[in-house]
Amino acid sequence: MTVGSQVKSCFSTIKSAEASLSLLAKKTQQDQSRQAFTQSAQLISEIKEDLKKQVIQLAKEEPQYK
């Protein structure tokens, strides 16, 4: 597995985790749990955006990883 494909796989996993946390935040009845899920989803979203930049940068630097 190339570096590019590993980074893209990680990005997909992060997106899935973000979606799962957001869904849990909407479904939970407990305020404390909802807040924890929401905060976690926000943190994951920030990580996802940073990783997205890395995917774009990697594609520019190493065209074979597209």
C-alpha atoms as a PDB file:
ATOM      1  CA  MET A   1       0.000   0.000   0.000  1.00  0.00           C
ATOM      2  CA  THR A   2       1.430   3.372  -1.008  1.00  0.00           C
ATOM      3  CA  VAL A   3       1.676   6.359   1.290  1.00  0.00           C
ATOM      4  CA  GLY A   4      -1.001   8.100  -0.762  1.00  0.00           C
ATOM      5  CA  SER A   5      -3.455   5.249  -0.419  1.00  0.00           C
ATOM      6  CA  GLN A   6      -2.766   4.993   3.319  1.00  0.00           C
ATOM      7  CA  VAL A   7      -3.460   8.704   3.807  1.00  0.00           C
ATOM      8  CA  LYS A   8      -6.657   8.461   1.746  1.00  0.00           C
ATOM      9  CA  SER A   9      -7.748   5.420   3.750  1.00  0.00           C
ATOM     10  CA  CYS A  10      -7.111   7.293   6.989  1.00  0.00           C
ATOM     11  CA  PHE A  11      -9.122  10.250   5.662  1.00  0.00           C
ATOM     12  CA  SER A  12     -12.066   7.940   4.874  1.00  0.00           C
ATOM     13  CA  THR A  13     -11.891   6.422   8.344  1.00  0.00           C
ATOM     14  CA  ILE A  14     -11.874   9.875   9.949  1.00  0.00           C
ATOM     15  CA  LYS A  15     -14.906  10.918   7.900  1.00  0.00           C
ATOM     16  CA  SER A  16     -16.738   7.801   9.048  1.00  0.00           C
ATOM     17  CA  ALA A  17     -15.848   8.459  12.696  1.00  0.00           C
ATOM     18  CA  GLU A  18     -17.085  12.040  12.399  1.00  0.00           C
ATOM     19  CA  ALA A  19     -20.392  10.887  10.923  1.00  0.00           C
ATOM     20  CA  SER A  20     -20.843   8.263  13.639  1.00  0.00           C
ATOM     21  CA  LEU A  21     -20.183  10.756  16.428  1.00  0.00           C
ATOM     22  CA  SER A  22     -22.591  13.270  14.905  1.00  0.00           C
ATOM     23  CA  LEU A  23     -25.272  10.610  14.626  1.00  0.00           C
ATOM     24  CA  LEU A  24     -24.757   9.540  18.231  1.00  0.00           C
ATOM     25  CA  ALA A  25     -24.991  13.171  19.362  1.00  0.00           C
ATOM     26  CA  LYS A  26     -28.366  13.493  17.642  1.00  0.00           C
ATOM     27  CA  LYS A  27     -29.740  10.218  18.995  1.00  0.00           C
ATOM     28  CA  THR A  28     -28.662  10.378  22.629  1.00  0.00           C
ATOM     29  CA  GLN A  29     -31.062  11.568  25.292  1.00  0.00           C
ATOM     30  CA  GLN A  30     -28.487  12.541  27.924  1.00  0.00           C
ATOM     31  CA  ASP A  31     -27.181  16.104  27.754  1.00  0.00           C
ATOM     32  CA  GLN A  32     -23.727  15.195  29.032  1.00  0.00           C
ATOM     33  CA  SER A  33     -23.364  12.429  26.446  1.00  0.00           C
ATOM     34  CA  ARG A  34     -24.669  14.670  23.673  1.00  0.00           C
ATOM     35  CA  GLN A  35     -22.132  17.326  24.583  1.00  0.00           C
ATOM     36  CA  ALA A  36     -19.285  14.786  24.648  1.00  0.00           C
ATOM     37  CA  PHE A  37     -20.258  13.369  21.251  1.00  0.00           C
ATOM     38  CA  THR A  38     -20.621  16.856  19.768  1.00  0.00           C
ATOM     39  CA  GLN A  39     -17.245  18.005  21.066  1.00  0.00           C
ATOM     40  CA  SER A  40     -15.614  14.831  19.808  1.00  0.00           C
ATOM     41  CA  ALA A  41     -17.193  15.275  16.375  1.00  0.00           C
ATOM     42  CA  GLN A  42     -15.895  18.860  16.232  1.00  0.00           C
ATOM     43  CA  LEU A  43     -12.385  17.742  17.121  1.00  0.00           C
ATOM     44  CA  ILE A  44     -12.514  14.971  14.522  1.00  0.00           C
ATOM     45  CA  SER A  45     -13.752  17.528  11.975  1.00  0.00           C
ATOM     46  CA  GLU A  46     -10.672  19.680  12.610  1.00  0.00           C
ATOM     47  CA  ILE A  47      -8.426  16.650  12.195  1.00  0.00           C
ATOM     48  CA  LYS A  48     -10.290  15.721   9.009  1.00  0.00           C
ATOM     49  CA  GLU A  49      -9.684  19.177   7.533  1.00  0.00           C
ATOM     50  CA  ASP A  50      -5.961  18.978   8.334  1.00  0.00           C
ATOM     51  CA  LEU A  51      -5.772  15.521   6.804  1.00  0.00           C
ATOM     52  CA  LYS A  52      -7.626  16.732   3.717  1.00  0.00           C
ATOM     53  CA  LYS A  53      -4.937  19.377   3.234  1.00  0.00           C
ATOM     54  CA  GLN A  54      -2.321  16.651   3.480  1.00  0.00           C
ATOM     55  CA  VAL A  55      -4.092  14.569   0.840  1.00  0.00           C
ATOM     56  CA  ILE A  56      -4.150  17.576  -1.504  1.00  0.00           C
ATOM     57  CA  GLN A  57      -0.508  18.424  -0.791  1.00  0.00           C
ATOM     58  CA  LEU A  58       0.584  14.841  -1.313  1.00  0.00           C
ATOM     59  CA  ALA A  59      -1.243  14.724  -4.650  1.00  0.00           C
ATOM     60  CA  LYS A  60       0.553  17.906  -5.760  1.00  0.00           C
ATOM     61  CA  GLU A  61       3.985  16.734  -4.669  1.00  0.00           C
ATOM     62  CA  GLU A  62       3.655  13.151  -5.766  1.00  0.00           C
ATOM     63  CA  PRO A  63       1.375  12.869  -8.823  1.00  0.00           C
ATOM     64  CA  GLN A  64       1.680   9.074  -8.804  1.00  0.00           C
ATOM     65  CA  TYR A  65      -0.310   9.042  -5.526  1.00  0.00           C
ATOM     66  CA  LYS A  66      -3.436  10.513  -7.105  1.00  0.00           C
END
